[in-house]
Structures are given as structure tokens and as C-alpha cells.
N, C-alpha and C. Protein backbone atom coordinates (compact mmCIF):
# COMPACT_ATOMS: atom_id res chain seq x y z
N MET A 1 -14.07 26.99 19.52
CA MET A 1 -13.12 27.86 20.18
C MET A 1 -11.83 27.07 20.36
N ASN A 2 -10.73 27.74 20.09
CA ASN A 2 -9.46 27.02 20.20
C ASN A 2 -8.94 26.99 21.63
N ARG A 3 -7.93 26.18 21.82
CA ARG A 3 -7.37 25.93 23.15
C ARG A 3 -6.81 27.20 23.79
N ILE A 4 -6.20 28.06 23.00
CA ILE A 4 -5.59 29.29 23.53
C ILE A 4 -6.67 30.22 24.10
N ARG A 5 -7.75 30.40 23.35
CA ARG A 5 -8.83 31.27 23.83
C ARG A 5 -9.53 30.65 25.04
N ARG A 6 -9.70 29.32 25.02
CA ARG A 6 -10.29 28.65 26.19
C ARG A 6 -9.44 28.88 27.43
N LYS A 7 -8.15 28.77 27.27
CA LYS A 7 -7.24 28.98 28.41
C LYS A 7 -7.34 30.42 28.91
N ALA A 8 -7.37 31.38 27.99
CA ALA A 8 -7.50 32.79 28.39
C ALA A 8 -8.81 33.03 29.12
N LEU A 9 -9.89 32.43 28.63
CA LEU A 9 -11.18 32.57 29.30
C LEU A 9 -11.17 31.90 30.67
N ALA A 10 -10.51 30.77 30.79
CA ALA A 10 -10.41 30.09 32.09
C ALA A 10 -9.67 30.96 33.09
N GLU A 11 -8.65 31.67 32.63
CA GLU A 11 -7.91 32.58 33.53
C GLU A 11 -8.79 33.74 33.96
N ILE A 12 -9.54 34.28 33.04
CA ILE A 12 -10.47 35.38 33.37
C ILE A 12 -11.52 34.88 34.35
N GLN A 13 -12.05 33.69 34.10
CA GLN A 13 -13.06 33.12 34.98
C GLN A 13 -12.50 32.94 36.39
N ALA A 14 -11.28 32.47 36.51
CA ALA A 14 -10.66 32.28 37.82
C ALA A 14 -10.52 33.61 38.55
N LYS A 15 -10.13 34.66 37.82
CA LYS A 15 -10.01 35.99 38.43
C LYS A 15 -11.37 36.49 38.88
N LEU A 16 -12.38 36.28 38.05
CA LEU A 16 -13.73 36.71 38.43
C LEU A 16 -14.24 35.96 39.65
N GLU A 17 -13.92 34.67 39.73
CA GLU A 17 -14.32 33.89 40.90
C GLU A 17 -13.68 34.44 42.16
N GLU A 18 -12.40 34.80 42.06
CA GLU A 18 -11.70 35.38 43.21
C GLU A 18 -12.32 36.71 43.61
N LEU A 19 -12.61 37.55 42.63
CA LEU A 19 -13.24 38.84 42.90
C LEU A 19 -14.63 38.65 43.50
N LYS A 20 -15.35 37.66 43.00
CA LYS A 20 -16.69 37.37 43.53
C LYS A 20 -16.61 36.99 45.00
N ASP A 21 -15.62 36.18 45.36
CA ASP A 21 -15.44 35.79 46.76
C ASP A 21 -15.12 37.00 47.63
N GLN A 22 -14.25 37.87 47.14
CA GLN A 22 -13.90 39.08 47.90
C GLN A 22 -15.12 39.98 48.05
N LEU A 23 -15.88 40.12 46.98
CA LEU A 23 -17.08 40.95 47.02
C LEU A 23 -18.11 40.38 47.98
N GLU A 24 -18.24 39.06 47.99
CA GLU A 24 -19.19 38.43 48.91
C GLU A 24 -18.82 38.70 50.36
N THR A 25 -17.53 38.67 50.66
CA THR A 25 -17.08 38.96 52.02
C THR A 25 -17.46 40.39 52.42
N LEU A 26 -17.19 41.33 51.52
CA LEU A 26 -17.54 42.73 51.81
C LEU A 26 -19.04 42.92 51.93
N LYS A 27 -19.78 42.24 51.08
CA LYS A 27 -21.24 42.31 51.12
C LYS A 27 -21.76 41.79 52.45
N ASP A 28 -21.22 40.66 52.89
CA ASP A 28 -21.63 40.08 54.17
C ASP A 28 -21.29 41.01 55.34
N GLU A 29 -20.12 41.64 55.28
CA GLU A 29 -19.73 42.58 56.34
C GLU A 29 -20.67 43.78 56.39
N GLU A 30 -21.04 44.30 55.22
CA GLU A 30 -21.94 45.45 55.18
C GLU A 30 -23.33 45.07 55.67
N GLU A 31 -23.79 43.88 55.30
CA GLU A 31 -25.09 43.42 55.78
C GLU A 31 -25.09 43.24 57.29
N GLU A 32 -24.00 42.72 57.82
CA GLU A 32 -23.89 42.56 59.28
C GLU A 32 -23.90 43.92 59.97
N TYR A 33 -23.17 44.88 59.39
CA TYR A 33 -23.15 46.24 59.94
C TYR A 33 -24.56 46.82 59.97
N ARG A 34 -25.27 46.69 58.84
CA ARG A 34 -26.63 47.23 58.75
C ARG A 34 -27.57 46.51 59.72
N ASP A 35 -27.48 45.18 59.77
CA ASP A 35 -28.40 44.41 60.60
C ASP A 35 -28.15 44.59 62.10
N ASN A 36 -26.94 44.98 62.47
CA ASN A 36 -26.62 45.17 63.89
C ASN A 36 -26.70 46.63 64.33
N MET A 37 -27.24 47.47 63.48
CA MET A 37 -27.40 48.87 63.84
C MET A 37 -28.45 49.00 64.94
N PRO A 38 -28.19 49.83 65.92
CA PRO A 38 -29.18 50.01 67.00
C PRO A 38 -30.54 50.46 66.46
N GLU A 39 -31.58 50.10 67.17
CA GLU A 39 -32.94 50.42 66.72
C GLU A 39 -33.15 51.91 66.47
N ASN A 40 -32.52 52.74 67.31
CA ASN A 40 -32.73 54.18 67.15
C ASN A 40 -32.11 54.72 65.87
N LEU A 41 -31.21 53.95 65.23
CA LEU A 41 -30.61 54.39 63.96
C LEU A 41 -31.30 53.76 62.74
N GLN A 42 -32.13 52.76 62.98
CA GLN A 42 -32.84 52.17 61.86
C GLN A 42 -33.84 53.18 61.32
N GLY A 43 -33.81 53.36 60.03
CA GLY A 43 -34.64 54.39 59.40
C GLY A 43 -33.90 55.70 59.25
N SER A 44 -32.69 55.79 59.83
CA SER A 44 -31.90 57.01 59.70
C SER A 44 -31.18 57.04 58.35
N GLU A 45 -30.58 58.17 58.06
CA GLU A 45 -29.82 58.30 56.81
C GLU A 45 -28.67 57.30 56.77
N ARG A 46 -28.02 57.10 57.89
CA ARG A 46 -26.90 56.15 57.97
C ARG A 46 -27.38 54.74 57.62
N TYR A 47 -28.54 54.37 58.14
CA TYR A 47 -29.10 53.05 57.83
C TYR A 47 -29.46 52.95 56.35
N GLU A 48 -30.07 53.98 55.82
CA GLU A 48 -30.48 53.97 54.41
C GLU A 48 -29.26 53.85 53.49
N ILE A 49 -28.17 54.51 53.85
CA ILE A 49 -26.94 54.41 53.05
C ILE A 49 -26.39 52.99 53.09
N ALA A 50 -26.37 52.39 54.27
CA ALA A 50 -25.90 51.01 54.41
C ALA A 50 -26.81 50.05 53.65
N ASP A 51 -28.11 50.28 53.71
CA ASP A 51 -29.06 49.43 53.02
C ASP A 51 -28.88 49.53 51.50
N ALA A 52 -28.68 50.75 51.00
CA ALA A 52 -28.45 50.94 49.57
C ALA A 52 -27.14 50.27 49.15
N ALA A 53 -26.12 50.35 49.99
CA ALA A 53 -24.85 49.70 49.69
C ALA A 53 -25.05 48.19 49.60
N CYS A 54 -25.84 47.63 50.51
CA CYS A 54 -26.11 46.19 50.49
C CYS A 54 -26.81 45.80 49.19
N ASP A 55 -27.79 46.58 48.78
CA ASP A 55 -28.50 46.29 47.54
C ASP A 55 -27.56 46.35 46.34
N ASN A 56 -26.70 47.37 46.30
CA ASN A 56 -25.78 47.51 45.18
C ASN A 56 -24.73 46.41 45.17
N LEU A 57 -24.22 46.04 46.33
CA LEU A 57 -23.25 44.96 46.40
C LEU A 57 -23.88 43.63 45.99
N ASP A 58 -25.13 43.44 46.37
CA ASP A 58 -25.84 42.22 45.98
C ASP A 58 -26.01 42.17 44.46
N SER A 59 -26.34 43.30 43.85
CA SER A 59 -26.48 43.36 42.39
C SER A 59 -25.14 43.10 41.70
N ALA A 60 -24.07 43.67 42.24
CA ALA A 60 -22.75 43.45 41.67
C ALA A 60 -22.36 41.98 41.77
N PHE A 61 -22.65 41.36 42.89
CA PHE A 61 -22.37 39.93 43.09
C PHE A 61 -23.13 39.10 42.06
N ASP A 62 -24.41 39.40 41.89
CA ASP A 62 -25.22 38.67 40.90
C ASP A 62 -24.66 38.85 39.49
N SER A 63 -24.21 40.06 39.18
CA SER A 63 -23.65 40.33 37.86
C SER A 63 -22.37 39.54 37.62
N LEU A 64 -21.53 39.42 38.64
CA LEU A 64 -20.32 38.61 38.49
C LEU A 64 -20.68 37.15 38.27
N GLU A 65 -21.64 36.65 39.02
CA GLU A 65 -22.08 35.27 38.81
C GLU A 65 -22.59 35.06 37.39
N GLU A 66 -23.33 36.03 36.89
CA GLU A 66 -23.85 35.94 35.53
C GLU A 66 -22.72 35.96 34.50
N ALA A 67 -21.73 36.83 34.70
CA ALA A 67 -20.59 36.90 33.79
C ALA A 67 -19.83 35.58 33.78
N ILE A 68 -19.64 35.00 34.95
CA ILE A 68 -18.95 33.70 35.04
C ILE A 68 -19.73 32.64 34.29
N SER A 69 -21.02 32.65 34.43
CA SER A 69 -21.88 31.68 33.75
C SER A 69 -21.76 31.83 32.23
N TYR A 70 -21.75 33.06 31.74
CA TYR A 70 -21.61 33.28 30.30
C TYR A 70 -20.26 32.77 29.79
N ILE A 71 -19.23 32.99 30.57
CA ILE A 71 -17.91 32.49 30.17
C ILE A 71 -17.91 30.97 30.10
N GLU A 72 -18.51 30.34 31.11
CA GLU A 72 -18.61 28.87 31.09
C GLU A 72 -19.33 28.38 29.86
N GLU A 73 -20.43 29.04 29.50
CA GLU A 73 -21.21 28.64 28.32
C GLU A 73 -20.41 28.85 27.05
N ALA A 74 -19.59 29.89 27.00
CA ALA A 74 -18.80 30.17 25.81
C ALA A 74 -17.72 29.11 25.59
N CYS A 75 -17.29 28.48 26.66
CA CYS A 75 -16.22 27.48 26.56
C CYS A 75 -16.71 26.08 26.24
N VAL A 76 -18.00 25.90 26.17
CA VAL A 76 -18.55 24.56 25.90
C VAL A 76 -18.40 24.22 24.44
């Protein structure tokens, strides 16, 4: 891989890292919201929606980590 493509991939990787950090913050906030829900709301539709959002955000976070890893491997 030439230097120009490596540089372009490094820029993409940096952007993905920044997005991953932002996503992690939102994921943590949603998990805190879900975990601090009063007992009488646990098991409610509101709780289930928050729980599903946490699962989806976690999957998105993992996917970004995987994409970053693939980019790193491509630049070796």
C-alpha cells in the first residue's frame, strides 16, 4: 500500500476513533439511565426500550472497534 492510501486510511481511522469515543459516552449514559430506573419501571416497556438501545449501542461500538482493527491490519 502506498503512502497516500495509508495516510487516507489513518485519517479515516482517526475519525472512527473519535466517533467510537462519542458512541461510548452515549452508550454509558443510556446504560446509566436504564440501571437507575426505579424498580417499579423495571420490566416495563420503557425499560425494555432502554435495554434494547443499550444492546444496539454496544453492538455498534463493537462494530466500530472491528472496523478500526481491519483498517490497522490493512496498513501493515
